[in-house]
Structure formats: structure tokens, C-alpha cells
């Protein structure tokens, strides 16, 4: 069982990710923006962070960069629906900045499960 932090400003997505990751047998905490997520990371260890990219207060790229700098052992999976102008460029940028995996919304239960399992193996 891993300890996972889910950061997403969309309540529906956050609750769905919470339910899915708990069903996988993991211990899960959620945050509704990057600032709150980083506060949780400073208070306790997480094996994996699943973060959305486009959020208020602190976006997912900033979250990713801070985690890679300050919590090098924590794996980061970045999720996003992208934007209407460049749907995948944000995810491409996240991968180049060190995300352990990226998933475009909507993604399947199996995609998320595989991504988490792969992050935990390394």
C-alpha cells in the first residue's frame, strides 16, 4: 500500500481519484489546489502525488518542480485535460520537467492503476 496525495481543483475529479486510488488499496489524501498540496507534502511523506496541471493559486508545473527539487523520492503523475489551444503541450512540458508519468483526461481506471504501479516500482 502506498501513500498518495491527489491535487485537483475540480471536486468531481478529486473525489473520483480518491475513490479509485482507495479501491486500489492505497492510503489517499486530497488537496484542492497546489498550495494546499505542498503544505501537506511538507507535513508528511507521500510515495506518489497525482496532480492536475491547470489550477488556481499554484499550477501543476510549479507543484511538479517543487516536488522534484524538495522531495526527490516522491513520484509525480501529472494529469490534465489541457487547454483548447494546445491540448497536450502542457503534458509534454510536464514530462520534460521530470514527471514520472502524464495522463490526458479522461483516462481509464487501468491507465491510472498502471501509472501508479509503474511509479512505485522504480
Protein backbone atom coordinates (compact mmCIF):
# COMPACT_ATOMS: atom_id res chain seq x y z
CA UNK A 1 0.00 0.00 0.00
CA UNK A 2 1.31 3.42 -0.97
CA UNK A 3 0.53 6.82 0.45
CA UNK A 4 -0.87 9.03 -2.33
CA UNK A 5 -1.69 12.72 -2.49
CA UNK A 6 -4.24 13.81 -5.11
CA UNK A 7 -4.23 17.51 -6.04
CA UNK A 8 -7.04 18.74 -8.29
CA UNK A 9 -9.22 21.84 -8.14
CA UNK A 10 -12.17 20.02 -9.72
CA UNK A 11 -14.17 18.49 -6.85
CA UNK A 12 -15.70 15.75 -9.02
CA UNK A 13 -12.30 14.70 -10.39
CA UNK A 14 -10.72 14.84 -6.93
CA UNK A 15 -13.43 12.66 -5.41
CA UNK A 16 -13.26 10.19 -8.31
CA UNK A 17 -9.47 9.93 -7.99
CA UNK A 18 -9.80 9.46 -4.24
CA UNK A 19 -12.28 6.62 -4.69
CA UNK A 20 -10.25 4.94 -7.42
CA UNK A 21 -6.95 5.06 -5.55
CA UNK A 22 -8.56 3.88 -2.31
CA UNK A 23 -10.12 0.98 -4.24
CA UNK A 24 -6.58 0.09 -5.35
CA UNK A 25 -5.71 -0.29 -1.68
CA UNK A 26 -3.74 2.92 -1.18
CA UNK A 27 -3.91 5.47 1.61
CA UNK A 28 -5.05 8.72 -0.01
CA UNK A 29 -5.26 12.38 0.95
CA UNK A 30 -6.59 15.14 -1.30
CA UNK A 31 -5.98 18.85 -1.76
CA UNK A 32 -7.97 21.27 -3.90
CA UNK A 33 -5.02 23.36 -5.10
CA UNK A 34 -1.26 23.31 -5.39
CA UNK A 35 -0.64 25.49 -2.33
CA UNK A 36 -2.61 23.15 -0.07
CA UNK A 37 -0.98 20.12 -1.67
CA UNK A 38 2.51 21.47 -0.99
CA UNK A 39 1.54 22.18 2.65
CA UNK A 40 0.53 18.53 3.01
CA UNK A 41 3.82 17.42 1.48
CA UNK A 42 5.76 19.50 3.99
CA UNK A 43 3.85 17.85 6.85
CA UNK A 44 4.02 14.19 5.80
CA UNK A 45 5.62 11.81 3.33
CA UNK A 46 3.81 10.66 0.20
CA UNK A 47 5.04 7.97 -2.19
CA UNK A 48 3.12 9.37 -5.17
CA UNK A 49 1.48 12.70 -5.98
CA UNK A 50 -1.19 12.82 -8.68
CA UNK A 51 -1.64 16.45 -9.67
CA UNK A 52 -3.72 18.34 -12.16
CA UNK A 53 -1.92 20.98 -14.19
CA UNK A 54 -4.36 23.85 -14.53
CA UNK A 55 -5.35 25.05 -11.05
CA UNK A 56 -5.66 28.34 -9.18
CA UNK A 57 -3.06 29.56 -6.66
CA UNK A 58 -0.30 27.19 -7.80
CA UNK A 59 -0.40 25.30 -11.07
CA UNK A 60 0.74 21.72 -11.58
CA UNK A 61 4.01 22.69 -13.28
CA UNK A 62 5.03 24.66 -10.17
CA UNK A 63 3.94 21.75 -7.96
CA UNK A 64 5.97 19.32 -10.09
CA UNK A 65 9.10 21.50 -9.99
CA UNK A 66 8.90 22.00 -6.21
CA UNK A 67 8.40 18.29 -5.58
CA UNK A 68 11.33 17.34 -7.82
CA UNK A 69 13.51 19.92 -6.04
CA UNK A 70 12.43 19.35 -2.41
CA UNK A 71 11.05 15.79 -2.33
CA UNK A 72 13.16 13.95 -4.88
CA UNK A 73 11.97 10.47 -3.86
CA UNK A 74 8.28 11.33 -4.34
CA UNK A 75 6.91 10.21 -7.70
CA UNK A 76 4.70 12.62 -9.62
CA UNK A 77 1.93 11.74 -12.06
CA UNK A 78 0.57 14.78 -13.89
CA UNK A 79 -2.97 14.77 -15.26
CA UNK A 80 -4.72 17.32 -17.45
CA UNK A 81 -7.41 17.89 -19.97
CA UNK A 82 -5.08 20.51 -21.41
CA UNK A 83 -6.43 23.64 -22.99
CA UNK A 84 -8.46 24.19 -26.09
CA UNK A 85 -5.47 25.79 -27.85
CA UNK A 86 -2.78 23.19 -27.17
CA UNK A 87 -4.27 20.12 -25.51
CA UNK A 88 -1.12 18.10 -25.00
CA UNK A 89 1.65 20.69 -24.81
CA UNK A 90 1.22 21.11 -21.04
CA UNK A 91 1.59 17.37 -20.52
CA UNK A 92 4.63 17.30 -22.82
CA UNK A 93 6.19 20.09 -20.79
CA UNK A 94 5.47 18.24 -17.53
CA UNK A 95 7.19 15.12 -18.86
CA UNK A 96 10.25 17.15 -19.88
CA UNK A 97 10.36 18.71 -16.41
CA UNK A 98 10.53 15.30 -14.74
CA UNK A 99 7.01 13.96 -14.29
CA UNK A 100 7.17 10.23 -13.78
CA UNK A 101 4.11 9.87 -15.97
CA UNK A 102 1.44 12.02 -17.60
CA UNK A 103 -2.19 11.15 -18.30
CA UNK A 104 -4.59 13.08 -20.51
CA UNK A 105 -8.13 13.39 -19.11
CA UNK A 106 -10.26 11.45 -19.49
CA UNK A 107 -8.20 8.37 -18.69
CA UNK A 108 -9.24 4.89 -17.65
CA UNK A 109 -9.01 3.20 -14.26
CA UNK A 110 -6.47 0.83 -15.81
CA UNK A 111 -4.33 3.72 -17.10
CA UNK A 112 -4.19 5.28 -13.64
CA UNK A 113 -3.54 1.95 -11.95
CA UNK A 114 -0.69 1.16 -14.35
CA UNK A 115 0.80 4.62 -13.90
CA UNK A 116 0.76 4.33 -10.10
CA UNK A 117 2.17 0.79 -10.17
CA UNK A 118 4.99 1.84 -12.51
CA UNK A 119 5.83 4.82 -10.30
CA UNK A 120 6.04 2.59 -7.24
CA UNK A 121 8.33 0.04 -8.89
CA UNK A 122 11.11 2.49 -9.60
